[in-house]
Amino acid sequence: MQDDIRTAAKFYASRPGENTARLLRQRLRTFWPNTGPGSAPRAGERILGLGYTLPYLPLWARPGAASGAAPGTAPGTAPGTALGAVMCLSARLDTAVTRDAATIAPIGVHDCMVAEDRLPFPELHFDRVLMVHALETAERPDELLRSAWKILKDDGRLLLVVPNRAGWWAHADDTPFGQGAPFSPRQIARRLSRAFLRAERHDGALYLPPMGAAHRALGNLAEAAGHALLPALGGVFVIEAVKDVYAGMPAAPAPALIRVPRRIYEPG
């Protein structure tokens, strides 16, 4: 591992990392509330976190008593979940930034490490997929999005967090947001479209400059002011997308042209 790479595990174990995770969790909760009607995860749902999502999955984890393996259980998950539980699985990508595990595992979250080109999960298995520190660190981000499409149910939802190319955090090398390749809104829209995904909602987050990330009160103020006054200049983009199931359907074929031989009459 290169000496100049700040791993996600070390960053989130620090005071700036803890405050950063707290601010980003507030924004993620507006997309997927942990309780209540609407878009909140329902009992029995499976949520997969790709990249490094250990600081965020506890928002929705509702562990239940294990009761024996269910058919089609993904590798690395609990043997079973009780009725009313929401199963959360963290799948850390095997990259220099995301492969290290957290010192203390969050309660109710199962954790494993996967290769970005070989996700060991059945197709149409997860109700929701959260991706943080995933696309920007992946060697083949388009293939990773397509893999996420395959394991997501047809009515599932994807929540994607990527560094904003125009924001402070994409240039902060001492944080995991400053590693890899950041994105512009147009770039991320093209990648989603190529993966047959359609963005339904988007927002910004992390308006606090990285050098002030340790200050809790300043973070609250910057997040509120930045979101109201400069929504396009957040440190990260948060995008909720769904499967565009019709994008991959071939168009109706044009009717075939039938060549009719012509008879040529010669005089005489």
Protein backbone atom coordinates (compact mmCIF):
# COMPACT_ATOMS: atom_id res chain seq x y z
CA MET A 1 0.00 0.00 0.00
CA GLN A 2 1.30 3.44 -0.85
CA ASP A 3 2.30 5.66 2.07
CA ASP A 4 0.26 8.62 0.79
CA ILE A 5 -3.04 6.70 0.76
CA ARG A 6 -5.33 7.42 3.68
CA THR A 7 -7.46 4.37 4.19
CA ALA A 8 -11.15 4.68 4.94
CA ALA A 9 -10.80 2.66 8.16
CA LYS A 10 -8.15 5.02 9.59
CA PHE A 11 -10.03 8.13 8.51
CA TYR A 12 -13.33 7.12 10.10
CA ALA A 13 -11.54 6.12 13.30
CA SER A 14 -10.33 9.73 13.69
CA ARG A 15 -12.28 12.69 15.06
CA PRO A 16 -12.62 14.38 11.62
CA GLY A 17 -13.82 11.08 10.16
CA GLU A 18 -16.43 10.59 12.88
CA ASN A 19 -17.82 14.08 12.30
CA THR A 20 -17.76 13.62 8.53
CA ALA A 21 -19.71 10.37 8.82
CA ARG A 22 -22.24 12.06 11.11
CA LEU A 23 -22.86 14.87 8.59
CA LEU A 24 -23.18 12.48 5.66
CA ARG A 25 -25.51 10.18 7.61
CA GLN A 26 -27.86 13.14 8.10
CA ARG A 27 -28.10 13.57 4.33
CA LEU A 28 -28.49 9.85 3.63
CA ARG A 29 -31.34 9.71 6.14
CA THR A 30 -33.31 12.20 4.03
CA PHE A 31 -33.22 9.69 1.15
CA TRP A 32 -33.85 6.53 3.15
CA PRO A 33 -35.38 7.36 6.55
CA ASN A 34 -34.71 4.73 9.17
CA THR A 35 -38.32 4.76 10.34
CA GLY A 36 -41.71 5.86 9.10
CA PRO A 37 -43.61 5.52 5.82
CA GLY A 38 -42.41 6.27 2.32
CA SER A 39 -38.89 5.26 1.32
CA ALA A 40 -37.82 3.78 4.67
CA PRO A 41 -36.52 0.18 4.45
CA ARG A 42 -39.26 -2.32 5.19
CA ALA A 43 -39.09 -5.37 7.39
CA GLY A 44 -37.31 -8.28 5.72
CA GLU A 45 -35.37 -6.15 3.23
CA ARG A 46 -31.71 -6.82 2.39
CA ILE A 47 -29.34 -3.86 2.10
CA LEU A 48 -25.85 -4.21 0.62
CA GLY A 49 -23.11 -1.64 1.17
CA LEU A 50 -20.39 -1.60 -1.50
CA GLY A 51 -17.07 0.19 -1.13
CA TYR A 52 -16.67 1.23 2.50
CA THR A 53 -20.06 1.69 4.13
CA LEU A 54 -19.50 0.54 7.73
CA PRO A 55 -20.07 4.04 9.18
CA TYR A 56 -23.42 4.36 7.35
CA LEU A 57 -25.21 1.00 7.32
CA PRO A 58 -26.15 1.19 11.04
CA LEU A 59 -28.70 3.83 9.98
CA TRP A 60 -30.95 1.02 8.76
CA ALA A 61 -29.71 -2.12 10.49
CA ARG A 62 -32.43 -3.83 12.51
CA PRO A 63 -30.97 -7.21 13.47
CA GLY A 64 -33.21 -10.10 14.43
CA ALA A 65 -32.67 -13.51 15.92
CA ALA A 66 -31.11 -15.97 13.48
CA SER A 67 -33.37 -18.88 12.72
CA GLY A 68 -31.62 -21.11 10.22
CA ALA A 69 -30.35 -20.59 6.71
CA ALA A 70 -32.76 -19.46 4.06
CA PRO A 71 -32.46 -20.63 0.45
CA GLY A 72 -30.28 -18.33 -1.65
CA THR A 73 -28.58 -16.64 1.33
CA ALA A 74 -25.64 -14.59 0.11
CA PRO A 75 -22.12 -15.54 1.22
CA GLY A 76 -21.07 -13.65 4.33
CA THR A 77 -24.59 -12.95 5.58
CA ALA A 78 -26.20 -14.16 8.77
CA PRO A 79 -27.73 -17.64 8.73
CA GLY A 80 -31.18 -16.06 8.86
CA THR A 81 -33.10 -13.03 10.02
CA ALA A 82 -36.17 -12.72 12.15
CA LEU A 83 -39.42 -11.32 10.85
CA GLY A 84 -39.22 -7.52 11.07
CA ALA A 85 -35.44 -7.39 10.71
CA VAL A 86 -33.51 -5.48 8.04
CA MET A 87 -30.35 -7.34 7.04
CA CYS A 88 -27.36 -5.08 6.30
CA LEU A 89 -24.22 -6.49 4.70
CA SER A 90 -21.03 -4.47 4.23
CA ALA A 91 -18.96 -5.61 1.24
CA ARG A 92 -15.64 -3.78 1.37
CA LEU A 93 -13.99 -3.56 -2.04
CA ASP A 94 -10.50 -5.03 -2.27
CA THR A 95 -8.75 -1.71 -2.97
CA ALA A 96 -5.97 0.12 -1.13
CA VAL A 97 -8.49 2.61 0.26
CA THR A 98 -11.31 0.30 1.32
CA ARG A 99 -9.94 -3.16 2.12
CA ASP A 100 -9.02 -2.56 5.78
CA ALA A 101 -11.73 -3.52 8.25
CA ALA A 102 -12.96 -1.27 11.04
CA THR A 103 -11.45 -1.78 14.49
CA ILE A 104 -14.92 -2.20 15.98
CA ALA A 105 -17.65 -3.67 13.80
CA PRO A 106 -21.03 -1.89 14.00
CA ILE A 107 -23.80 -3.79 15.75
CA GLY A 108 -26.22 -5.45 13.35
CA VAL A 109 -23.97 -5.14 10.27
CA HIS A 110 -22.28 -8.17 8.71
CA ASP A 111 -18.95 -7.46 7.02
CA CYS A 112 -16.91 -9.11 4.26
CA MET A 113 -14.44 -8.15 1.53
CA VAL A 114 -15.10 -8.70 -2.19
CA ALA A 115 -13.35 -8.17 -5.51
CA GLU A 116 -15.01 -5.55 -7.67
CA ASP A 117 -15.12 -7.86 -10.70
CA ARG A 118 -16.50 -10.90 -8.81
CA LEU A 119 -19.35 -9.98 -6.49
CA PRO A 120 -20.34 -13.28 -4.80
CA PHE A 121 -24.06 -12.59 -4.60
CA PRO A 122 -27.03 -14.01 -6.52
CA GLU A 123 -28.81 -11.89 -9.09
CA LEU A 124 -31.91 -9.97 -7.97
CA HIS A 125 -30.96 -10.55 -4.33
CA PHE A 126 -30.86 -7.13 -2.65
CA ASP A 127 -33.65 -4.60 -2.13
CA ARG A 128 -31.22 -1.70 -1.76
CA VAL A 129 -27.56 -1.07 -2.54
CA LEU A 130 -25.53 1.71 -0.95
CA MET A 131 -22.23 2.67 -2.62
CA VAL A 132 -19.71 4.88 -0.78
CA HIS A 133 -15.98 5.04 -1.68
CA ALA A 134 -16.79 2.61 -4.48
CA LEU A 135 -16.91 4.14 -7.96
CA GLU A 136 -14.01 6.56 -7.44
CA THR A 137 -11.71 3.78 -6.17
CA ALA A 138 -12.75 1.06 -8.63
CA GLU A 139 -10.54 0.23 -11.60
CA ARG A 140 -13.60 -0.47 -13.76
CA PRO A 141 -16.46 1.67 -12.41
CA ASP A 142 -18.81 0.90 -15.31
CA GLU A 143 -18.52 -2.84 -14.69
CA LEU A 144 -19.09 -2.31 -10.96
CA LEU A 145 -22.32 -0.43 -11.67
CA ARG A 146 -23.47 -3.19 -13.99
CA SER A 147 -22.73 -5.75 -11.28
CA ALA A 148 -24.78 -3.69 -8.83
CA TRP A 149 -27.61 -3.66 -11.41
CA LYS A 150 -27.56 -7.45 -11.58
CA ILE A 151 -27.77 -8.11 -7.84
CA LEU A 152 -30.41 -5.41 -7.28
CA LYS A 153 -34.06 -6.45 -7.46
CA ASP A 154 -36.11 -5.01 -10.30
CA ASP A 155 -37.92 -2.68 -7.90
CA GLY A 156 -34.77 -2.05 -5.83
CA ARG A 157 -33.05 1.25 -5.17
CA LEU A 158 -29.42 2.35 -5.43
CA LEU A 159 -27.98 5.13 -3.25
CA LEU A 160 -24.67 6.40 -4.58
CA VAL A 161 -22.17 8.78 -2.94
CA VAL A 162 -19.35 10.11 -5.13
CA PRO A 163 -16.85 12.97 -4.72
CA ASN A 164 -17.75 16.19 -6.51
CA ARG A 165 -14.99 17.16 -8.93
CA ALA A 166 -15.63 20.85 -8.17
CA GLY A 167 -15.71 20.41 -4.39
CA TRP A 168 -13.11 20.69 -1.64
CA TRP A 169 -13.12 17.05 -0.65
CA ALA A 170 -12.05 15.66 -4.03
CA HIS A 171 -8.68 17.39 -3.52
CA ALA A 172 -8.15 16.39 0.12
CA ASP A 173 -5.56 13.62 -0.16
CA ASP A 174 -5.69 12.89 3.57
CA THR A 175 -9.27 11.63 3.29
CA PRO A 176 -10.70 8.70 1.31
CA PHE A 177 -12.81 11.18 -0.70
CA GLY A 178 -9.58 12.54 -2.19
CA GLN A 179 -8.44 9.15 -3.49
CA GLY A 180 -9.34 7.91 -6.94
CA ALA A 181 -11.33 9.76 -9.59
CA PRO A 182 -14.02 12.35 -8.69
CA PHE A 183 -17.01 13.02 -10.94
CA SER A 184 -18.94 15.88 -12.47
CA PRO A 185 -22.76 15.67 -12.66
CA ARG A 186 -22.59 14.90 -16.38
CA GLN A 187 -20.03 12.13 -15.91
CA ILE A 188 -22.03 10.33 -13.26
CA ALA A 189 -25.23 10.69 -15.29
CA ARG A 190 -23.54 9.03 -18.29
CA ARG A 191 -22.23 6.16 -16.20
CA LEU A 192 -25.63 5.50 -14.68
CA SER A 193 -27.24 5.54 -18.11
CA ARG A 194 -24.70 3.05 -19.50
CA ALA A 195 -25.50 0.74 -16.59
CA PHE A 196 -29.27 0.95 -17.31
CA LEU A 197 -29.89 2.98 -14.15
CA ARG A 198 -32.02 6.11 -13.92
CA ALA A 199 -31.40 8.83 -11.32
CA GLU A 200 -34.57 9.84 -9.48
CA ARG A 201 -33.18 12.16 -6.80
CA HIS A 202 -29.90 13.92 -6.22
CA ASP A 203 -28.45 16.24 -3.60
CA GLY A 204 -25.16 17.54 -2.25
CA ALA A 205 -23.46 17.02 1.11
CA LEU A 206 -20.26 17.85 3.01
CA TYR A 207 -20.11 21.62 2.56
CA LEU A 208 -17.64 21.92 5.43
CA PRO A 209 -14.03 22.22 4.12
CA PRO A 210 -11.94 19.15 5.03
CA MET A 211 -9.57 21.19 7.21
CA GLY A 212 -12.48 21.98 9.54
CA ALA A 213 -13.98 18.50 9.61
CA ALA A 214 -13.20 17.96 13.29
CA HIS A 215 -15.40 20.87 14.42
CA ARG A 216 -18.89 19.60 15.17
CA ALA A 217 -20.67 22.94 15.58
CA LEU A 218 -18.98 24.43 12.51
CA GLY A 219 -19.97 21.36 10.51
CA ASN A 220 -23.65 21.78 11.37
CA LEU A 221 -23.55 25.46 10.38
CA ALA A 222 -21.66 24.88 7.13
CA GLU A 223 -23.95 22.02 6.12
CA ALA A 224 -27.10 24.08 6.61
CA ALA A 225 -25.72 27.23 4.94
CA GLY A 226 -24.05 25.42 2.05
CA HIS A 227 -27.09 23.32 1.26
CA ALA A 228 -29.27 26.43 1.15
CA LEU A 229 -26.93 28.82 -0.67
CA LEU A 230 -24.49 26.73 -2.72
CA PRO A 231 -26.18 23.37 -3.33
CA ALA A 232 -23.95 22.47 -6.31
CA LEU A 233 -20.69 22.90 -4.39
CA GLY A 234 -20.97 20.14 -1.83
CA GLY A 235 -18.01 17.85 -1.32
CA VAL A 236 -20.00 14.86 -2.56
CA PHE A 237 -23.02 14.09 -4.69
CA VAL A 238 -25.71 11.83 -3.31
CA ILE A 239 -27.82 10.18 -6.02
CA GLU A 240 -30.71 7.77 -5.68
CA ALA A 241 -31.27 5.65 -8.78
CA VAL A 242 -33.54 2.83 -9.90
CA LYS A 243 -33.30 0.24 -12.63
CA ASP A 244 -34.23 1.55 -16.06
CA VAL A 245 -35.66 -1.79 -17.11
CA TYR A 246 -36.86 -0.51 -20.50
CA ALA A 247 -33.48 0.95 -21.51
CA GLY A 248 -32.08 -2.51 -22.21
CA MET A 249 -35.02 -3.73 -24.27
CA PRO A 250 -34.36 -3.91 -28.00
CA ALA A 251 -36.49 -1.78 -30.24
CA ALA A 252 -39.06 -3.48 -32.43
CA PRO A 253 -37.35 -4.72 -35.58
CA ALA A 254 -38.16 -2.95 -38.81
CA PRO A 255 -40.15 -5.02 -41.29
CA ALA A 256 -37.92 -6.92 -43.66
CA LEU A 257 -37.78 -5.78 -47.24
CA ILE A 258 -38.80 -8.48 -49.71
CA ARG A 259 -37.13 -8.21 -53.05
CA VAL A 260 -39.49 -9.07 -55.94
CA PRO A 261 -37.70 -10.07 -59.14
CA ARG A 262 -38.59 -7.96 -62.14
CA ARG A 263 -39.32 -9.49 -65.50
CA ILE A 264 -37.58 -7.80 -68.37
CA TYR A 265 -39.28 -8.12 -71.76
CA GLU A 266 -37.17 -7.66 -74.87
CA PRO A 267 -38.93 -6.46 -78.02
CA GLY A 268 -39.18 -8.81 -80.94
